[in-house]
N, C-alpha and C. Protein backbone atom coordinates (compact mmCIF):
# COMPACT_ATOMS: atom_id res chain seq x y z
N UNK A 1 233.65 -81.65 138.74
CA UNK A 1 232.42 -81.04 138.73
C UNK A 1 232.64 -79.69 138.03
N UNK A 2 231.69 -79.40 137.16
CA UNK A 2 231.83 -78.05 136.46
C UNK A 2 231.29 -76.88 137.20
N UNK A 3 231.69 -75.70 136.86
CA UNK A 3 231.29 -74.55 137.60
C UNK A 3 229.78 -74.31 137.67
N UNK A 4 229.10 -74.62 136.68
CA UNK A 4 227.57 -74.61 136.82
C UNK A 4 226.95 -75.47 137.87
N UNK A 5 227.50 -76.68 137.94
CA UNK A 5 227.03 -77.61 138.92
C UNK A 5 227.43 -77.16 140.40
N UNK A 6 228.65 -76.59 140.49
CA UNK A 6 229.07 -76.05 141.82
C UNK A 6 227.99 -74.87 142.16
N UNK A 7 227.87 -74.01 141.22
CA UNK A 7 226.95 -72.91 141.61
C UNK A 7 225.60 -73.35 141.93
N UNK A 8 225.05 -74.36 141.26
CA UNK A 8 223.67 -74.85 141.62
C UNK A 8 223.66 -75.45 142.97
N UNK A 9 224.66 -76.31 143.27
CA UNK A 9 224.69 -76.93 144.65
C UNK A 9 224.76 -75.90 145.73
N UNK A 10 225.65 -74.86 145.54
CA UNK A 10 225.85 -73.84 146.61
C UNK A 10 224.61 -72.92 146.62
N UNK A 11 224.01 -72.58 145.46
CA UNK A 11 222.82 -71.64 145.55
C UNK A 11 221.71 -72.28 146.32
N UNK A 12 221.58 -73.63 146.26
CA UNK A 12 220.44 -74.29 147.00
C UNK A 12 220.56 -74.13 148.48
N UNK A 13 221.74 -73.85 149.00
CA UNK A 13 221.96 -73.65 150.37
C UNK A 13 221.96 -72.13 150.83
N UNK A 14 221.58 -71.20 149.90
CA UNK A 14 221.49 -69.86 150.27
C UNK A 14 219.94 -69.50 150.25
N UNK A 15 219.49 -68.97 151.28
CA UNK A 15 218.01 -68.74 151.47
C UNK A 15 217.86 -67.18 151.24
N UNK A 16 216.65 -66.88 150.49
CA UNK A 16 216.27 -65.62 150.35
C UNK A 16 215.30 -65.19 151.47
N UNK A 17 215.60 -64.06 152.19
CA UNK A 17 214.80 -63.67 153.30
C UNK A 17 214.26 -62.35 152.86
N UNK A 18 213.01 -62.17 152.46
CA UNK A 18 212.53 -60.83 152.09
C UNK A 18 212.37 -59.91 153.34
N UNK A 19 212.45 -58.58 153.08
CA UNK A 19 212.23 -57.54 154.10
C UNK A 19 213.08 -57.69 155.27
N UNK A 20 214.32 -58.23 155.07
CA UNK A 20 215.18 -58.27 156.30
C UNK A 20 216.53 -57.67 155.84
N UNK A 21 217.14 -56.77 156.61
CA UNK A 21 216.81 -56.34 157.88
C UNK A 21 215.78 -55.18 157.96
N UNK A 22 215.41 -54.60 156.73
CA UNK A 22 214.36 -53.56 156.62
C UNK A 22 213.53 -54.01 155.39
N UNK A 23 212.38 -53.38 155.37
CA UNK A 23 211.45 -53.64 154.29
C UNK A 23 212.11 -53.19 152.94
N UNK A 24 211.88 -54.08 151.96
CA UNK A 24 212.31 -53.87 150.61
C UNK A 24 213.66 -54.46 150.32
N UNK A 25 214.33 -55.12 151.35
CA UNK A 25 215.69 -55.64 151.09
C UNK A 25 215.40 -57.16 151.07
N UNK A 26 216.14 -57.83 150.11
CA UNK A 26 216.08 -59.24 150.02
C UNK A 26 217.43 -59.81 150.50
N UNK A 27 217.42 -60.20 151.79
CA UNK A 27 218.60 -60.67 152.41
C UNK A 27 219.05 -62.03 151.93
N UNK A 28 220.27 -62.37 151.62
CA UNK A 28 220.86 -63.69 151.28
C UNK A 28 221.42 -64.31 152.50
N UNK A 29 220.69 -65.27 153.10
CA UNK A 29 221.13 -66.03 154.27
C UNK A 29 221.99 -67.08 153.88
N UNK A 30 223.34 -66.98 154.29
CA UNK A 30 224.36 -67.94 153.99
C UNK A 30 224.49 -68.98 155.10
N UNK A 31 223.75 -68.81 156.24
CA UNK A 31 224.07 -69.73 157.37
C UNK A 31 223.75 -71.21 157.10
N UNK A 32 222.77 -71.58 156.17
CA UNK A 32 222.62 -72.89 155.85
C UNK A 32 223.84 -73.49 155.04
N UNK A 33 224.43 -72.68 154.17
CA UNK A 33 225.58 -73.05 153.49
C UNK A 33 226.70 -73.39 154.46
N UNK A 34 226.89 -72.52 155.54
CA UNK A 34 227.97 -72.65 156.53
C UNK A 34 227.75 -73.88 157.27
N UNK A 35 226.52 -74.29 157.60
CA UNK A 35 226.17 -75.37 158.44
C UNK A 35 226.42 -76.66 157.71
N UNK A 36 226.36 -76.78 156.37
CA UNK A 36 226.44 -77.95 155.60
C UNK A 36 227.91 -78.14 155.26
N UNK A 37 228.49 -79.19 155.87
CA UNK A 37 230.03 -79.32 155.65
C UNK A 37 230.38 -79.47 154.28
N UNK A 38 229.68 -80.36 153.42
CA UNK A 38 230.01 -80.52 152.03
C UNK A 38 229.86 -79.28 151.25
N UNK A 39 228.82 -78.50 151.42
CA UNK A 39 228.70 -77.25 150.64
C UNK A 39 229.76 -76.32 151.11
N UNK A 40 230.05 -76.13 152.42
CA UNK A 40 230.98 -75.29 152.78
C UNK A 40 232.30 -75.65 152.16
N UNK A 41 232.69 -76.97 152.20
CA UNK A 41 233.99 -77.42 151.62
C UNK A 41 234.03 -77.03 150.18
N UNK A 42 232.93 -77.27 149.35
CA UNK A 42 232.88 -76.86 148.07
C UNK A 42 233.04 -75.46 147.72
N UNK A 43 232.52 -74.65 148.58
CA UNK A 43 232.60 -73.23 148.46
C UNK A 43 234.05 -72.73 148.66
N UNK A 44 234.67 -73.34 149.78
CA UNK A 44 236.16 -72.98 150.03
C UNK A 44 237.00 -73.43 148.88
N UNK A 45 236.88 -74.63 148.40
CA UNK A 45 237.53 -75.11 147.28
C UNK A 45 237.38 -74.27 146.02
N UNK A 46 236.14 -73.81 145.74
CA UNK A 46 236.00 -72.95 144.65
C UNK A 46 236.77 -71.68 144.75
N UNK A 47 236.67 -71.04 145.91
CA UNK A 47 237.43 -69.74 146.17
C UNK A 47 238.89 -70.01 146.08
N UNK A 48 239.40 -71.05 146.74
CA UNK A 48 240.80 -71.28 146.86
C UNK A 48 241.46 -71.58 145.49
N UNK A 49 240.59 -72.04 144.58
CA UNK A 49 241.08 -72.44 143.18
C UNK A 49 241.43 -71.26 142.41
N UNK A 50 241.11 -69.99 142.87
CA UNK A 50 241.56 -68.73 142.20
C UNK A 50 242.82 -68.16 142.76
N UNK A 51 243.45 -68.78 143.55
CA UNK A 51 244.62 -68.24 144.30
C UNK A 51 246.03 -68.77 143.99
N UNK A 52 246.19 -69.22 142.77
CA UNK A 52 247.45 -69.90 142.33
C UNK A 52 248.62 -68.98 142.34
N UNK A 53 248.40 -67.64 142.00
CA UNK A 53 249.47 -66.72 141.79
C UNK A 53 249.48 -65.63 142.75
N UNK A 54 249.04 -65.84 144.09
CA UNK A 54 249.00 -64.87 145.06
C UNK A 54 249.87 -65.36 146.32
N UNK A 55 250.20 -64.45 147.18
CA UNK A 55 251.00 -64.75 148.38
C UNK A 55 250.04 -64.74 149.59
N UNK A 56 249.15 -63.86 149.67
CA UNK A 56 248.33 -63.67 150.85
C UNK A 56 246.81 -63.51 150.37
N UNK A 57 245.94 -63.83 151.41
CA UNK A 57 244.61 -63.46 151.26
C UNK A 57 244.32 -62.46 152.41
N UNK A 58 243.48 -61.43 152.10
CA UNK A 58 243.10 -60.34 152.98
C UNK A 58 241.67 -60.39 152.98
N UNK A 59 240.97 -60.27 154.16
CA UNK A 59 239.53 -60.26 154.29
C UNK A 59 239.15 -59.29 155.45
N UNK A 60 237.98 -58.68 155.17
CA UNK A 60 237.44 -57.70 156.25
C UNK A 60 236.65 -58.37 157.34
N UNK A 61 236.68 -57.86 158.41
CA UNK A 61 235.84 -58.20 159.53
C UNK A 61 234.42 -57.99 159.19
N UNK A 62 233.43 -58.72 159.56
CA UNK A 62 233.53 -59.89 160.35
C UNK A 62 233.24 -61.13 159.39
N UNK A 63 232.21 -61.09 158.54
CA UNK A 63 232.04 -62.22 157.72
C UNK A 63 233.09 -62.58 156.78
N UNK A 64 233.90 -61.70 156.26
CA UNK A 64 234.93 -62.03 155.48
C UNK A 64 235.97 -63.00 156.09
N UNK A 65 236.04 -62.93 157.43
CA UNK A 65 236.95 -63.78 158.13
C UNK A 65 236.53 -65.29 158.00
N UNK A 66 235.23 -65.52 157.95
CA UNK A 66 234.61 -66.84 157.78
C UNK A 66 235.25 -67.54 156.53
N UNK A 67 235.29 -66.86 155.46
CA UNK A 67 235.76 -67.38 154.20
C UNK A 67 237.30 -67.15 154.00
N UNK A 68 237.73 -66.06 154.38
CA UNK A 68 239.15 -65.67 154.19
C UNK A 68 240.21 -66.60 154.79
N UNK A 69 240.02 -66.88 156.09
CA UNK A 69 240.95 -67.82 156.75
C UNK A 69 240.89 -69.25 156.21
N UNK A 70 239.62 -69.69 155.91
CA UNK A 70 239.51 -70.97 155.37
C UNK A 70 240.16 -71.18 154.02
N UNK A 71 239.94 -70.11 153.17
CA UNK A 71 240.55 -70.17 151.82
C UNK A 71 241.90 -70.01 151.85
N UNK A 72 242.49 -69.18 152.69
CA UNK A 72 243.98 -69.08 152.76
C UNK A 72 244.57 -70.42 153.32
N UNK A 73 244.02 -71.11 154.27
CA UNK A 73 244.55 -72.30 154.78
C UNK A 73 244.56 -73.34 153.60
N UNK A 74 243.37 -73.46 152.93
CA UNK A 74 243.13 -74.39 151.91
C UNK A 74 244.15 -74.21 150.72
N UNK A 75 244.46 -73.01 150.43
CA UNK A 75 245.37 -72.65 149.28
C UNK A 75 246.81 -72.53 149.73
N UNK A 76 247.12 -72.67 151.06
CA UNK A 76 248.37 -72.72 151.53
C UNK A 76 248.96 -71.15 151.51
N UNK A 77 248.13 -70.22 151.71
CA UNK A 77 248.58 -68.80 151.71
C UNK A 77 248.48 -68.21 153.07
N UNK A 78 249.15 -67.08 153.28
CA UNK A 78 249.00 -66.33 154.46
C UNK A 78 247.72 -65.64 154.52
N UNK A 79 247.25 -65.21 155.79
CA UNK A 79 245.99 -64.45 155.96
C UNK A 79 246.24 -63.21 156.62
N UNK A 80 245.65 -62.12 156.21
CA UNK A 80 245.81 -60.83 156.80
C UNK A 80 244.38 -60.31 157.07
N UNK A 81 244.14 -60.01 158.27
CA UNK A 81 242.76 -59.47 158.69
C UNK A 81 242.68 -57.97 158.50
N UNK A 82 241.62 -57.49 158.00
CA UNK A 82 241.36 -56.02 157.95
C UNK A 82 240.29 -55.81 159.12
N UNK A 83 240.57 -54.98 160.04
CA UNK A 83 239.72 -54.81 161.25
C UNK A 83 239.19 -53.44 161.30
N UNK A 84 238.18 -53.34 162.08
CA UNK A 84 237.53 -52.03 162.47
C UNK A 84 238.40 -51.24 163.36
N UNK A 85 238.22 -49.87 163.52
CA UNK A 85 239.09 -49.13 164.33
C UNK A 85 239.06 -49.72 165.79
N UNK A 86 240.37 -49.64 166.36
CA UNK A 86 240.58 -50.06 167.77
C UNK A 86 240.71 -51.51 168.01
N UNK A 87 240.74 -52.35 166.88
CA UNK A 87 240.84 -53.76 167.07
C UNK A 87 242.34 -54.37 167.02
N UNK A 88 243.15 -53.53 166.45
CA UNK A 88 244.57 -53.97 166.16
C UNK A 88 245.54 -53.27 167.12
N UNK A 89 246.44 -54.05 167.77
CA UNK A 89 247.19 -53.51 168.89
C UNK A 89 248.50 -52.70 168.53
N UNK A 90 248.86 -52.73 167.20
CA UNK A 90 250.14 -52.06 166.74
C UNK A 90 249.87 -50.96 165.75
N UNK A 91 250.79 -50.29 165.27
CA UNK A 91 250.66 -49.22 164.29
C UNK A 91 249.95 -49.79 162.98
N UNK A 92 249.02 -49.00 162.52
CA UNK A 92 248.13 -49.50 161.43
C UNK A 92 248.07 -48.44 160.28
N UNK A 93 247.72 -48.94 159.10
CA UNK A 93 247.23 -48.07 158.10
C UNK A 93 245.80 -47.94 158.19
N UNK A 94 245.16 -46.88 157.82
CA UNK A 94 243.76 -46.58 157.92
C UNK A 94 243.12 -46.17 156.61
N UNK A 95 241.93 -46.64 156.29
CA UNK A 95 241.25 -46.25 155.12
C UNK A 95 239.79 -46.18 155.39
N UNK A 96 239.26 -44.87 155.25
CA UNK A 96 237.82 -44.65 155.38
C UNK A 96 237.13 -44.78 154.20
N UNK A 97 235.94 -45.40 154.08
CA UNK A 97 235.19 -45.65 152.83
C UNK A 97 233.78 -45.35 152.99
N UNK A 98 233.05 -45.14 151.91
CA UNK A 98 231.64 -44.91 151.99
C UNK A 98 230.81 -46.13 151.89
N UNK A 99 229.70 -46.16 152.64
CA UNK A 99 228.76 -47.08 152.66
C UNK A 99 227.49 -46.53 152.00
N UNK A 100 226.38 -47.37 151.86
CA UNK A 100 225.14 -46.90 151.30
C UNK A 100 224.60 -45.69 152.19
N UNK A 101 224.79 -45.97 153.57
CA UNK A 101 224.30 -45.02 154.55
C UNK A 101 225.34 -44.56 155.58
N UNK A 102 226.38 -43.81 155.11
CA UNK A 102 227.37 -43.33 156.02
C UNK A 102 228.80 -43.80 155.62
N UNK A 103 229.71 -43.81 156.51
CA UNK A 103 231.10 -44.21 156.26
C UNK A 103 231.57 -45.26 157.32
N UNK A 104 232.65 -45.91 157.00
CA UNK A 104 233.28 -46.85 157.93
C UNK A 104 234.81 -46.87 157.67
N UNK A 105 235.50 -47.54 158.49
CA UNK A 105 236.97 -47.43 158.38
C UNK A 105 237.52 -48.91 158.51
N UNK A 106 238.44 -49.20 157.73
CA UNK A 106 239.28 -50.49 158.01
C UNK A 106 240.66 -50.09 158.29
N UNK A 107 241.36 -50.99 159.01
CA UNK A 107 242.70 -50.88 159.44
C UNK A 107 243.45 -52.17 159.24
N UNK A 108 244.75 -52.05 158.90
CA UNK A 108 245.68 -53.13 158.67
C UNK A 108 246.97 -52.78 159.36
N UNK A 109 247.56 -53.78 159.93
CA UNK A 109 248.94 -53.59 160.64
C UNK A 109 249.86 -53.15 159.44
N UNK A 110 250.73 -52.13 159.81
CA UNK A 110 251.68 -51.63 158.82
C UNK A 110 252.67 -52.65 158.36
N UNK A 111 252.88 -53.72 159.08
CA UNK A 111 253.83 -54.79 158.82
C UNK A 111 253.24 -56.08 158.32
N UNK A 112 251.88 -55.92 158.04
CA UNK A 112 251.11 -57.16 157.75
C UNK A 112 251.49 -57.81 156.29
N UNK A 113 251.89 -57.03 155.35
CA UNK A 113 252.25 -57.34 154.03
C UNK A 113 253.65 -56.89 153.67
N UNK A 114 254.57 -57.78 153.10
CA UNK A 114 255.72 -57.29 152.59
C UNK A 114 255.70 -56.45 151.21
N UNK A 115 256.43 -55.63 151.05
CA UNK A 115 256.45 -54.93 149.72
C UNK A 115 256.61 -55.90 148.59
N UNK A 116 255.87 -55.80 147.51
CA UNK A 116 255.87 -56.65 146.45
C UNK A 116 254.89 -57.81 146.40
N UNK A 117 254.27 -58.03 147.67
CA UNK A 117 253.47 -59.28 147.81
C UNK A 117 252.28 -59.11 146.85
N UNK A 118 251.80 -60.24 146.44
CA UNK A 118 250.52 -60.34 145.51
C UNK A 118 249.42 -60.88 146.44
N UNK A 119 248.28 -60.07 146.50
CA UNK A 119 247.23 -60.31 147.41
C UNK A 119 245.89 -60.50 146.67
N UNK A 120 245.13 -61.44 147.32
CA UNK A 120 243.66 -61.51 146.83
C UNK A 120 242.78 -61.15 147.99
N UNK A 121 241.76 -60.59 147.72
CA UNK A 121 240.76 -60.02 148.64
C UNK A 121 239.57 -61.22 148.57
N UNK A 122 239.21 -61.74 149.75
CA UNK A 122 238.10 -62.66 149.78
C UNK A 122 237.02 -62.12 150.75
N UNK A 123 235.78 -62.25 150.31
CA UNK A 123 234.66 -61.76 151.11
C UNK A 123 233.39 -62.59 150.74
N UNK A 124 232.37 -62.44 151.54
CA UNK A 124 231.10 -63.17 151.23
C UNK A 124 230.34 -62.41 150.16
N UNK A 125 230.14 -61.07 150.22
CA UNK A 125 229.32 -60.36 149.32
C UNK A 125 229.96 -59.15 148.70
N UNK A 126 229.86 -59.01 147.43
CA UNK A 126 230.16 -57.83 146.73
C UNK A 126 229.02 -56.93 146.58
N UNK A 127 228.93 -55.71 147.24
CA UNK A 127 227.77 -54.91 147.15
C UNK A 127 228.18 -53.62 146.34
N UNK A 128 228.49 -52.53 146.99
CA UNK A 128 228.82 -51.26 146.32
C UNK A 128 230.30 -51.21 145.95
N UNK A 129 231.04 -52.10 146.45
CA UNK A 129 232.50 -52.02 146.17
C UNK A 129 233.33 -51.23 147.08
N UNK A 130 232.80 -50.55 148.04
CA UNK A 130 233.51 -49.66 148.91
C UNK A 130 234.57 -50.36 149.77
N UNK A 131 234.23 -51.48 150.27
CA UNK A 131 235.16 -52.29 151.08
C UNK A 131 236.37 -52.64 150.32
N UNK A 132 236.07 -53.19 149.06
CA UNK A 132 237.15 -53.55 148.19
C UNK A 132 238.05 -52.43 147.78
N UNK A 133 237.57 -51.30 147.45
CA UNK A 133 238.36 -50.15 147.15
C UNK A 133 239.15 -49.68 148.38
N UNK A 134 238.62 -49.76 149.54
CA UNK A 134 239.43 -49.38 150.54
C UNK A 134 240.53 -50.42 150.89
N UNK A 135 240.32 -51.68 150.67
CA UNK A 135 241.24 -52.64 150.82
C UNK A 135 242.42 -52.42 149.82
N UNK A 136 242.07 -52.06 148.54
CA UNK A 136 243.04 -51.80 147.67
C UNK A 136 244.06 -50.79 148.03
N UNK A 137 243.49 -49.77 148.59
CA UNK A 137 244.29 -48.71 149.04
C UNK A 137 245.24 -49.17 150.25
N UNK A 138 244.65 -49.95 151.20
CA UNK A 138 245.41 -50.37 152.24
C UNK A 138 246.73 -51.30 151.82
N UNK A 139 246.32 -52.12 150.80
CA UNK A 139 247.38 -53.04 150.28
C UNK A 139 248.50 -52.17 149.59
N UNK A 140 248.10 -51.20 148.77
CA UNK A 140 249.01 -50.28 148.16
C UNK A 140 249.86 -49.50 149.09
N UNK A 141 249.31 -49.15 150.21
CA UNK A 141 250.07 -48.42 151.39
C UNK A 141 251.18 -49.26 151.76
N UNK A 142 251.14 -50.56 151.72
CA UNK A 142 252.15 -51.46 152.22
C UNK A 142 253.15 -51.75 151.09
N UNK A 143 252.93 -51.28 149.82
CA UNK A 143 253.76 -51.52 148.76
C UNK A 143 253.52 -52.89 148.10
N UNK A 144 252.29 -53.43 148.40
CA UNK A 144 251.98 -54.72 147.81
C UNK A 144 250.90 -54.46 146.71
N UNK A 145 250.46 -55.46 146.09
CA UNK A 145 249.51 -55.34 144.93
C UNK A 145 248.28 -56.25 145.08
N UNK A 146 247.10 -55.73 145.05
CA UNK A 146 245.83 -56.45 145.14
C UNK A 146 245.60 -56.86 143.64
N UNK A 147 245.65 -58.17 143.42
CA UNK A 147 245.56 -58.67 142.06
C UNK A 147 244.23 -59.32 141.69
N UNK A 148 243.50 -59.58 142.75
CA UNK A 148 242.06 -60.23 142.47
C UNK A 148 241.22 -60.22 143.66
N UNK A 149 239.92 -60.26 143.43
CA UNK A 149 238.95 -60.35 144.45
C UNK A 149 238.04 -61.56 144.15
N UNK A 150 237.61 -62.18 145.24
CA UNK A 150 236.75 -63.43 145.17
C UNK A 150 235.56 -63.29 146.18
N UNK A 151 234.38 -63.54 145.63
CA UNK A 151 233.20 -63.31 146.36
C UNK A 151 232.32 -64.54 146.23
N UNK A 152 231.61 -64.85 147.20
CA UNK A 152 230.47 -65.91 147.20
C UNK A 152 229.34 -65.26 146.27
N UNK A 153 228.86 -64.08 146.72
CA UNK A 153 227.78 -63.42 146.02
C UNK A 153 228.15 -62.11 145.59
N UNK A 154 227.56 -61.65 144.41
CA UNK A 154 227.66 -60.28 143.93
C UNK A 154 226.17 -59.79 143.66
N UNK A 155 226.06 -58.62 144.13
CA UNK A 155 224.66 -57.99 143.97
C UNK A 155 224.91 -57.05 142.82
N UNK A 156 224.47 -57.46 141.65
CA UNK A 156 224.72 -56.76 140.41
C UNK A 156 224.18 -55.48 140.23
N UNK A 157 222.88 -55.17 140.69
CA UNK A 157 222.44 -53.87 140.44
C UNK A 157 223.09 -52.74 141.23
N UNK A 158 223.95 -53.12 142.26
CA UNK A 158 224.71 -51.99 142.87
C UNK A 158 225.98 -51.64 142.20
N UNK A 159 226.28 -52.43 141.20
CA UNK A 159 227.40 -52.12 140.28
C UNK A 159 228.76 -51.94 141.06
N UNK A 160 228.98 -52.74 141.96
CA UNK A 160 230.20 -52.55 142.83
C UNK A 160 231.40 -52.75 142.10
N UNK A 161 231.52 -53.56 141.00
CA UNK A 161 232.82 -53.80 140.29
C UNK A 161 233.16 -52.56 139.33
N UNK A 162 232.18 -51.63 139.12
CA UNK A 162 232.45 -50.48 138.22
C UNK A 162 233.50 -49.68 138.81
N UNK A 163 234.38 -49.26 137.95
CA UNK A 163 235.63 -48.45 138.40
C UNK A 163 236.72 -49.22 139.05
N UNK A 164 236.68 -50.50 139.11
CA UNK A 164 237.76 -51.34 139.68
C UNK A 164 238.69 -51.75 138.54
N UNK A 165 239.95 -51.80 138.87
CA UNK A 165 241.07 -52.17 137.98
C UNK A 165 241.69 -53.54 138.35
N UNK A 166 240.89 -54.37 139.16
CA UNK A 166 241.43 -55.78 139.45
C UNK A 166 240.37 -56.69 139.02
N UNK A 167 240.73 -58.04 138.89
CA UNK A 167 239.79 -59.01 138.56
C UNK A 167 238.71 -59.26 139.75
N UNK A 168 237.48 -59.51 139.34
CA UNK A 168 236.46 -59.84 140.36
C UNK A 168 235.87 -61.22 139.91
N UNK A 169 236.07 -62.13 140.85
CA UNK A 169 235.43 -63.52 140.66
C UNK A 169 234.23 -63.62 141.69
N UNK A 170 233.07 -63.94 141.10
CA UNK A 170 231.83 -64.09 141.99
C UNK A 170 231.29 -65.42 141.57
N UNK A 171 230.97 -66.23 142.45
CA UNK A 171 230.32 -67.49 142.15
C UNK A 171 228.93 -67.37 141.74
N UNK A 172 228.18 -66.49 142.50
CA UNK A 172 226.73 -66.21 142.28
C UNK A 172 226.45 -64.80 142.08
N UNK A 173 225.85 -64.39 140.89
CA UNK A 173 225.44 -63.03 140.77
C UNK A 173 223.98 -62.97 140.92
N UNK A 174 223.50 -62.04 141.69
CA UNK A 174 222.13 -61.76 141.99
C UNK A 174 221.70 -60.36 141.96
């Protein structure tokens, strides 16, 4: 199946919800995609197909975990969670990053990645790029290298990929 056919099948399972969570926002509801086993499998396989030269998959809480763990499993890679403050029980690296309205922080155990590891970031949506930039700094703190990022959706007008020096693979651009 070619990538355009994959994109068409997956896009049919993503619903546009206008004015959610606030007026003027067009929300992309992926829950129908997650509920359809064949479309979910196709999505995971597409994402995992980009992981031939990496050792680990890293994903942020919470929706990133949905795809990240499944993609890591499918590709036979290790999985490293990026968590919100206070969720990891041992010593962590911390990275604060900007959002459209405020800031947030991601944390990673300091022993989660060995030095020299090649890492891929997997998440559901690429918006402003803040989460990805924070992840890149966390990975570098461990002496590893973030070599690529993989997203189901990319919101183009937010220009999240601008200023990044890693590959960005998005199945659907909107």
